[in-house]
Amino acid sequence: MNLSTKDGMIQYCKQVAKTNNWNLNKDKETFKDLIDGLLYNKLRYGYQSCPCRLASGKRELDRDLICPCDYAPADIIEYGACYCNLYLASNFYEKGLDFVNVPERRSIDL
């Protein structure tokens, strides 16, 4: 799959969600914005850094932010969603949720 295209990025995110037994955000506008942000970062930096965090543009410094970020699994277990709400727990919508504010886990010392 080509992550430098919108369709490729969507397929990548679908595969990540399937592999981890997560849901993708089903709000069309939010999903579109997140995919656009991932694609923009992929084309700008060469890797799909989280669109909700400020990337440095240096892959080594941003390795923890490459989607799905290192923090997503713990966030989804604890809050039901990753930081940007792209990936959601498998029971997210069954709980009647539509968005969760997830606190930042990344150290600001980076």
Protein backbone atom coordinates (compact mmCIF):
# COMPACT_ATOMS: atom_id res chain seq x y z
CA MET A 1 0.00 0.00 0.00
CA ASN A 2 1.21 3.46 -0.87
CA LEU A 3 1.09 5.71 2.20
CA SER A 4 1.70 8.75 -0.01
CA THR A 5 -1.89 8.61 -1.27
CA LYS A 6 -5.11 9.22 0.59
CA ASP A 7 -6.44 5.77 -0.29
CA GLY A 8 -3.19 4.17 0.83
CA MET A 9 -3.27 6.00 4.16
CA ILE A 10 -6.88 4.95 4.74
CA GLN A 11 -6.02 1.32 3.96
CA TYR A 12 -3.03 1.53 6.34
CA CYS A 13 -5.21 2.87 9.17
CA LYS A 14 -7.86 0.21 8.50
CA GLN A 15 -5.19 -2.49 8.70
CA VAL A 16 -3.79 -1.07 11.96
CA ALA A 17 -7.30 -0.98 13.44
CA LYS A 18 -8.06 -4.54 12.32
CA THR A 19 -4.75 -5.90 13.62
CA ASN A 20 -5.31 -4.32 17.04
CA ASN A 21 -9.07 -4.97 17.27
CA TRP A 22 -9.72 -1.22 17.32
CA ASN A 23 -12.38 0.84 15.58
CA LEU A 24 -11.68 3.85 13.42
CA ASN A 25 -13.45 7.10 14.14
CA LYS A 26 -16.69 6.97 12.16
CA ASP A 27 -17.32 10.73 12.14
CA LYS A 28 -16.65 11.44 8.46
CA GLU A 29 -15.31 14.97 8.92
CA THR A 30 -13.04 14.05 11.83
CA PHE A 31 -11.77 10.95 10.02
CA LYS A 32 -11.10 12.98 6.85
CA ASP A 33 -9.20 15.64 8.80
CA LEU A 34 -7.07 13.03 10.58
CA ILE A 35 -6.26 11.18 7.35
CA ASP A 36 -5.42 14.49 5.66
CA GLY A 37 -3.11 15.34 8.57
CA LEU A 38 -1.36 11.97 8.42
CA LEU A 39 -0.94 12.29 4.67
CA TYR A 40 0.35 15.85 4.97
CA ASN A 41 2.92 14.74 7.55
CA LYS A 42 3.91 11.74 5.42
CA LEU A 43 4.51 13.96 2.40
CA ARG A 44 6.22 16.69 4.45
CA TYR A 45 8.44 14.57 6.70
CA GLY A 46 8.53 11.17 5.01
CA TYR A 47 6.63 9.48 7.84
CA GLN A 48 3.05 9.64 9.11
CA SER A 49 3.46 11.41 12.43
CA CYS A 50 0.41 11.95 14.60
CA PRO A 51 -1.54 14.88 13.14
CA CYS A 52 -2.51 16.09 16.63
CA ARG A 53 1.03 16.63 17.85
CA LEU A 54 3.84 18.89 16.69
CA ALA A 55 6.51 16.86 14.92
CA SER A 56 10.11 17.99 14.72
CA GLY A 57 10.64 16.69 11.20
CA LYS A 58 13.45 14.48 12.48
CA ARG A 59 12.37 10.86 12.32
CA GLU A 60 14.58 9.77 15.21
CA LEU A 61 13.05 12.40 17.54
CA ASP A 62 9.52 11.67 16.32
CA ARG A 63 9.72 7.87 16.26
CA ASP A 64 7.24 7.66 19.16
CA LEU A 65 4.72 9.77 17.20
CA ILE A 66 4.57 7.67 14.04
CA CYS A 67 0.99 6.48 13.67
CA PRO A 68 -0.09 4.55 15.54
CA CYS A 69 1.97 6.37 18.13
CA ASP A 70 3.65 4.52 20.97
CA TYR A 71 1.02 5.90 23.36
CA ALA A 72 -2.07 4.65 21.48
CA PRO A 73 -2.35 1.16 23.02
CA ALA A 74 -2.24 2.44 26.62
CA ASP A 75 -4.56 5.36 25.79
CA ILE A 76 -7.09 3.05 24.19
CA ILE A 77 -7.02 0.68 27.16
CA GLU A 78 -7.36 3.50 29.70
CA TYR A 79 -9.53 6.06 27.87
CA GLY A 80 -11.10 4.12 24.99
CA ALA A 81 -9.36 6.25 22.35
CA CYS A 82 -5.94 7.33 21.20
CA TYR A 83 -4.87 10.95 21.68
CA CYS A 84 -6.38 12.18 18.41
CA ASN A 85 -9.39 9.83 18.54
CA LEU A 86 -8.53 8.16 15.23
CA TYR A 87 -8.28 4.73 16.83
CA LEU A 88 -10.97 3.72 19.27
CA ALA A 89 -11.62 0.76 21.54
CA SER A 90 -13.72 -1.98 19.99
CA ASN A 91 -16.60 -1.10 22.34
CA PHE A 92 -16.24 2.70 22.06
CA TYR A 93 -19.54 3.36 20.30
CA GLU A 94 -21.41 0.77 22.34
CA LYS A 95 -20.63 2.91 25.39
CA GLY A 96 -22.40 5.83 23.75
CA LEU A 97 -19.20 7.85 23.32
CA ASP A 98 -18.39 10.10 20.38
CA PHE A 99 -15.16 11.81 21.53
CA VAL A 100 -12.79 11.46 24.48
CA ASN A 101 -10.26 14.00 25.73
CA VAL A 102 -7.10 11.97 26.23
CA PRO A 103 -4.34 13.58 28.28
CA GLU A 104 -0.91 13.93 26.72
CA ARG A 105 1.42 11.10 27.75
CA ARG A 106 4.44 12.32 25.82
CA SER A 107 7.08 13.99 27.93
CA ILE A 108 7.56 17.66 27.11
CA ASP A 109 11.28 17.17 27.74
CA LEU A 110 11.76 15.57 24.33
